[in-house]
N, C-alpha and C. Protein backbone atom coordinates (compact mmCIF):
# COMPACT_ATOMS: atom_id res chain seq x y z
N MET A 1 0.84 -1.18 0.00
CA MET A 1 0.00 0.00 0.00
C MET A 1 0.89 1.24 0.00
N LYS A 2 0.59 2.17 -0.87
CA LYS A 2 1.37 3.40 -1.00
C LYS A 2 1.08 4.35 0.16
N ALA A 3 2.15 4.89 0.73
CA ALA A 3 1.98 5.86 1.81
C ALA A 3 1.46 7.17 1.24
N GLU A 4 0.54 7.77 1.92
CA GLU A 4 -0.03 9.04 1.49
C GLU A 4 0.85 10.18 1.99
N VAL A 5 1.32 11.01 1.08
CA VAL A 5 2.13 12.16 1.43
C VAL A 5 1.32 13.40 1.10
N LYS A 6 1.13 14.25 2.07
CA LYS A 6 0.36 15.47 1.86
C LYS A 6 1.20 16.50 1.11
N THR A 7 0.52 17.33 0.34
CA THR A 7 1.18 18.32 -0.50
C THR A 7 2.22 19.13 0.26
N GLU A 8 1.92 19.57 1.48
CA GLU A 8 2.87 20.40 2.23
C GLU A 8 4.10 19.61 2.67
N ALA A 9 4.04 18.29 2.64
CA ALA A 9 5.18 17.46 3.03
C ALA A 9 6.06 17.07 1.84
N TYR A 10 5.61 17.38 0.63
CA TYR A 10 6.40 17.01 -0.55
C TYR A 10 7.82 17.55 -0.47
N LYS A 11 7.98 18.81 -0.07
CA LYS A 11 9.31 19.42 -0.04
C LYS A 11 10.24 18.69 0.92
N SER A 12 9.80 18.45 2.14
CA SER A 12 10.68 17.82 3.12
C SER A 12 10.88 16.34 2.87
N GLU A 13 9.84 15.63 2.49
CA GLU A 13 9.93 14.18 2.34
C GLU A 13 10.37 13.71 0.96
N LEU A 14 10.01 14.45 -0.08
CA LEU A 14 10.33 14.01 -1.43
C LEU A 14 11.45 14.79 -2.10
N VAL A 15 11.88 15.90 -1.49
CA VAL A 15 12.96 16.69 -2.08
C VAL A 15 14.14 16.79 -1.10
N GLU A 16 13.93 17.38 0.05
CA GLU A 16 15.05 17.66 0.96
C GLU A 16 15.70 16.41 1.53
N ALA A 17 14.92 15.44 1.95
CA ALA A 17 15.49 14.22 2.55
C ALA A 17 16.35 13.44 1.55
N PRO A 18 15.86 13.19 0.32
CA PRO A 18 16.71 12.48 -0.64
C PRO A 18 17.98 13.25 -1.03
N VAL A 19 17.89 14.57 -1.13
CA VAL A 19 19.07 15.37 -1.45
C VAL A 19 20.10 15.26 -0.33
N ALA A 20 19.65 15.29 0.92
CA ALA A 20 20.56 15.11 2.05
C ALA A 20 21.23 13.73 1.98
N GLY A 21 20.48 12.72 1.56
CA GLY A 21 21.04 11.38 1.40
C GLY A 21 22.13 11.34 0.35
N ILE A 22 21.90 12.00 -0.78
CA ILE A 22 22.91 12.06 -1.84
C ILE A 22 24.17 12.75 -1.32
N LEU A 23 24.00 13.83 -0.59
CA LEU A 23 25.16 14.54 -0.04
C LEU A 23 25.92 13.67 0.95
N ASN A 24 25.22 12.86 1.72
CA ASN A 24 25.88 11.92 2.64
C ASN A 24 26.71 10.89 1.88
N VAL A 25 26.16 10.37 0.79
CA VAL A 25 26.90 9.41 -0.05
C VAL A 25 28.16 10.06 -0.61
N LEU A 26 28.04 11.28 -1.11
CA LEU A 26 29.19 11.98 -1.68
C LEU A 26 30.27 12.24 -0.62
N GLU A 27 29.85 12.65 0.57
CA GLU A 27 30.79 12.91 1.66
C GLU A 27 31.50 11.62 2.09
N THR A 28 30.76 10.54 2.18
CA THR A 28 31.35 9.26 2.55
C THR A 28 32.36 8.81 1.50
N ALA A 29 31.98 8.96 0.24
CA ALA A 29 32.89 8.57 -0.85
C ALA A 29 34.17 9.39 -0.80
N LYS A 30 34.02 10.68 -0.55
CA LYS A 30 35.18 11.57 -0.49
C LYS A 30 36.13 11.19 0.64
N ASN A 31 35.58 10.67 1.73
CA ASN A 31 36.38 10.34 2.91
C ASN A 31 36.79 8.87 2.99
N THR A 32 36.54 8.10 1.95
CA THR A 32 36.87 6.68 1.94
C THR A 32 38.18 6.45 1.19
N ALA A 33 39.16 5.92 1.88
CA ALA A 33 40.46 5.65 1.27
C ALA A 33 40.30 4.66 0.13
N GLY A 34 40.95 4.93 -0.98
CA GLY A 34 40.92 4.03 -2.11
C GLY A 34 39.72 4.19 -3.02
N PHE A 35 38.79 5.04 -2.64
CA PHE A 35 37.61 5.25 -3.48
C PHE A 35 38.03 6.03 -4.71
N LYS A 36 37.66 5.53 -5.90
CA LYS A 36 38.13 6.15 -7.13
C LYS A 36 37.05 6.84 -7.95
N ARG A 37 35.86 6.28 -7.98
CA ARG A 37 34.87 6.82 -8.90
C ARG A 37 33.46 6.60 -8.37
N LEU A 38 32.62 7.59 -8.60
CA LEU A 38 31.20 7.50 -8.29
C LEU A 38 30.45 7.90 -9.55
N VAL A 39 29.56 7.05 -10.01
CA VAL A 39 28.80 7.34 -11.22
C VAL A 39 27.44 7.88 -10.82
N ILE A 40 27.12 9.05 -11.32
CA ILE A 40 25.85 9.70 -11.04
C ILE A 40 24.98 9.59 -12.29
N THR A 41 23.80 9.08 -12.13
CA THR A 41 22.87 9.01 -13.26
C THR A 41 21.70 9.93 -12.99
N SER A 42 20.97 10.25 -14.03
CA SER A 42 19.84 11.15 -13.86
C SER A 42 18.70 10.71 -14.77
N VAL A 43 17.73 11.58 -14.94
CA VAL A 43 16.54 11.24 -15.72
C VAL A 43 16.23 12.33 -16.73
N ALA A 44 15.45 11.99 -17.73
CA ALA A 44 15.07 12.94 -18.78
C ALA A 44 14.21 14.08 -18.24
N ALA A 45 13.63 13.92 -17.07
CA ALA A 45 12.79 14.97 -16.49
C ALA A 45 13.57 16.26 -16.25
N LEU A 46 14.89 16.18 -16.25
CA LEU A 46 15.71 17.36 -16.01
C LEU A 46 15.87 18.23 -17.24
N ILE A 47 15.53 17.71 -18.40
CA ILE A 47 15.73 18.45 -19.63
C ILE A 47 14.55 19.38 -19.87
N SER A 48 14.87 20.61 -20.11
CA SER A 48 13.82 21.60 -20.36
C SER A 48 13.12 21.29 -21.67
N VAL A 49 11.82 21.43 -21.68
CA VAL A 49 11.06 21.17 -22.90
C VAL A 49 11.02 22.40 -23.79
N ASP A 50 11.48 23.53 -23.28
CA ASP A 50 11.50 24.78 -24.04
C ASP A 50 12.81 24.94 -24.79
N ARG A 51 13.03 24.07 -25.76
CA ARG A 51 14.26 24.14 -26.55
C ARG A 51 13.97 23.68 -27.96
N ALA A 52 14.84 24.05 -28.88
CA ALA A 52 14.68 23.66 -30.28
C ALA A 52 14.91 22.16 -30.42
N GLU A 53 14.24 21.56 -31.38
CA GLU A 53 14.32 20.11 -31.59
C GLU A 53 15.75 19.64 -31.86
N ASP A 54 16.53 20.45 -32.56
CA ASP A 54 17.90 20.06 -32.91
C ASP A 54 18.95 20.59 -31.93
N GLU A 55 18.52 21.21 -30.84
CA GLU A 55 19.44 21.73 -29.84
C GLU A 55 20.13 20.59 -29.09
N ILE A 56 21.43 20.73 -28.89
CA ILE A 56 22.19 19.72 -28.16
C ILE A 56 21.84 19.83 -26.67
N THR A 57 21.62 18.68 -26.06
CA THR A 57 21.29 18.64 -24.64
C THR A 57 22.56 18.56 -23.82
N ASP A 58 22.75 19.53 -22.92
CA ASP A 58 23.89 19.53 -22.02
C ASP A 58 23.45 20.11 -20.68
N ARG A 59 24.40 20.41 -19.80
CA ARG A 59 24.04 20.88 -18.47
C ARG A 59 23.32 22.23 -18.49
N HIS A 60 23.42 22.95 -19.59
CA HIS A 60 22.73 24.24 -19.70
C HIS A 60 21.29 24.07 -20.19
N SER A 61 20.92 22.86 -20.57
CA SER A 61 19.58 22.58 -21.09
C SER A 61 18.61 22.16 -19.99
N ARG A 62 19.08 22.08 -18.77
CA ARG A 62 18.26 21.57 -17.67
C ARG A 62 17.09 22.47 -17.35
N ALA A 63 16.06 21.83 -16.88
CA ALA A 63 14.93 22.58 -16.33
C ALA A 63 15.40 23.25 -15.05
N ALA A 64 14.86 24.39 -14.73
CA ALA A 64 15.25 25.12 -13.53
C ALA A 64 14.61 24.49 -12.29
N PHE A 65 15.33 24.59 -11.17
CA PHE A 65 14.79 24.10 -9.91
C PHE A 65 13.68 25.04 -9.45
N ILE A 66 12.57 24.47 -9.02
CA ILE A 66 11.46 25.22 -8.46
C ILE A 66 11.34 24.83 -6.99
N PRO A 67 11.47 25.80 -6.07
CA PRO A 67 11.50 25.46 -4.65
C PRO A 67 10.17 25.05 -4.02
N GLY A 68 9.10 25.09 -4.75
CA GLY A 68 7.79 24.67 -4.22
C GLY A 68 6.93 25.86 -3.88
N PRO A 69 5.75 25.62 -3.42
CA PRO A 69 5.14 24.33 -3.06
C PRO A 69 4.85 23.48 -4.29
N TYR A 70 4.77 22.18 -4.07
CA TYR A 70 4.57 21.22 -5.14
C TYR A 70 3.14 20.69 -5.11
N PRO A 71 2.40 20.89 -6.18
CA PRO A 71 1.01 20.47 -6.21
C PRO A 71 0.82 18.97 -6.41
N HIS A 72 1.86 18.29 -6.85
CA HIS A 72 1.75 16.88 -7.19
C HIS A 72 3.07 16.17 -6.93
N GLU A 73 3.02 14.87 -6.71
CA GLU A 73 4.23 14.08 -6.44
C GLU A 73 5.24 14.18 -7.56
N PHE A 74 4.79 14.16 -8.82
CA PHE A 74 5.74 14.20 -9.93
C PHE A 74 6.49 15.53 -9.96
N THR A 75 5.83 16.61 -9.62
CA THR A 75 6.48 17.91 -9.56
C THR A 75 7.59 17.89 -8.51
N ALA A 76 7.31 17.30 -7.36
CA ALA A 76 8.31 17.17 -6.30
C ALA A 76 9.44 16.23 -6.73
N TYR A 77 9.10 15.15 -7.43
CA TYR A 77 10.10 14.20 -7.94
C TYR A 77 11.07 14.91 -8.88
N LYS A 78 10.52 15.70 -9.80
CA LYS A 78 11.36 16.43 -10.74
C LYS A 78 12.25 17.42 -10.00
N ALA A 79 11.69 18.13 -9.03
CA ALA A 79 12.48 19.08 -8.24
C ALA A 79 13.59 18.35 -7.49
N ARG A 80 13.28 17.16 -6.95
CA ARG A 80 14.29 16.38 -6.23
C ARG A 80 15.44 16.02 -7.14
N LYS A 81 15.15 15.57 -8.36
CA LYS A 81 16.21 15.19 -9.29
C LYS A 81 17.08 16.39 -9.65
N ILE A 82 16.45 17.53 -9.90
CA ILE A 82 17.21 18.74 -10.23
C ILE A 82 18.05 19.17 -9.03
N ALA A 83 17.46 19.19 -7.85
CA ALA A 83 18.19 19.60 -6.64
C ALA A 83 19.35 18.66 -6.34
N ALA A 84 19.14 17.37 -6.51
CA ALA A 84 20.19 16.39 -6.24
C ALA A 84 21.36 16.56 -7.21
N LEU A 85 21.06 16.77 -8.48
CA LEU A 85 22.14 16.96 -9.45
C LEU A 85 22.87 18.27 -9.19
N ASN A 86 22.14 19.33 -8.88
CA ASN A 86 22.78 20.61 -8.55
C ASN A 86 23.67 20.48 -7.31
N ALA A 87 23.19 19.79 -6.28
CA ALA A 87 23.96 19.60 -5.06
C ALA A 87 25.20 18.76 -5.33
N THR A 88 25.07 17.75 -6.18
CA THR A 88 26.20 16.90 -6.53
C THR A 88 27.28 17.72 -7.23
N GLU A 89 26.88 18.49 -8.20
CA GLU A 89 27.86 19.31 -8.93
C GLU A 89 28.52 20.34 -8.03
N ALA A 90 27.76 20.90 -7.10
CA ALA A 90 28.32 21.91 -6.19
C ALA A 90 29.32 21.30 -5.21
N SER A 91 29.16 20.01 -4.92
CA SER A 91 30.04 19.39 -3.92
C SER A 91 31.31 18.79 -4.52
N ILE A 92 31.40 18.72 -5.83
CA ILE A 92 32.61 18.16 -6.43
C ILE A 92 33.43 19.20 -7.15
């Protein structure tokens, strides 16, 4: 059974908590002797839809982070992915 998350909790439960988890992983990796590489993957939800069809997709093509409130789970999910990638890049 899916847990019900109220709209006002989307930011803390679906965005902030997972981003903090990613930052913990990055910090642990940084402090682990012999650690060489961490592969970060992402999703197509980060790509802005407001671009030309033949435009090359790169880090400048990302959708902008929206701090909320989030009306729906998918909006919070997209914000979480953008926030996590931004936090990852800022920490390395």
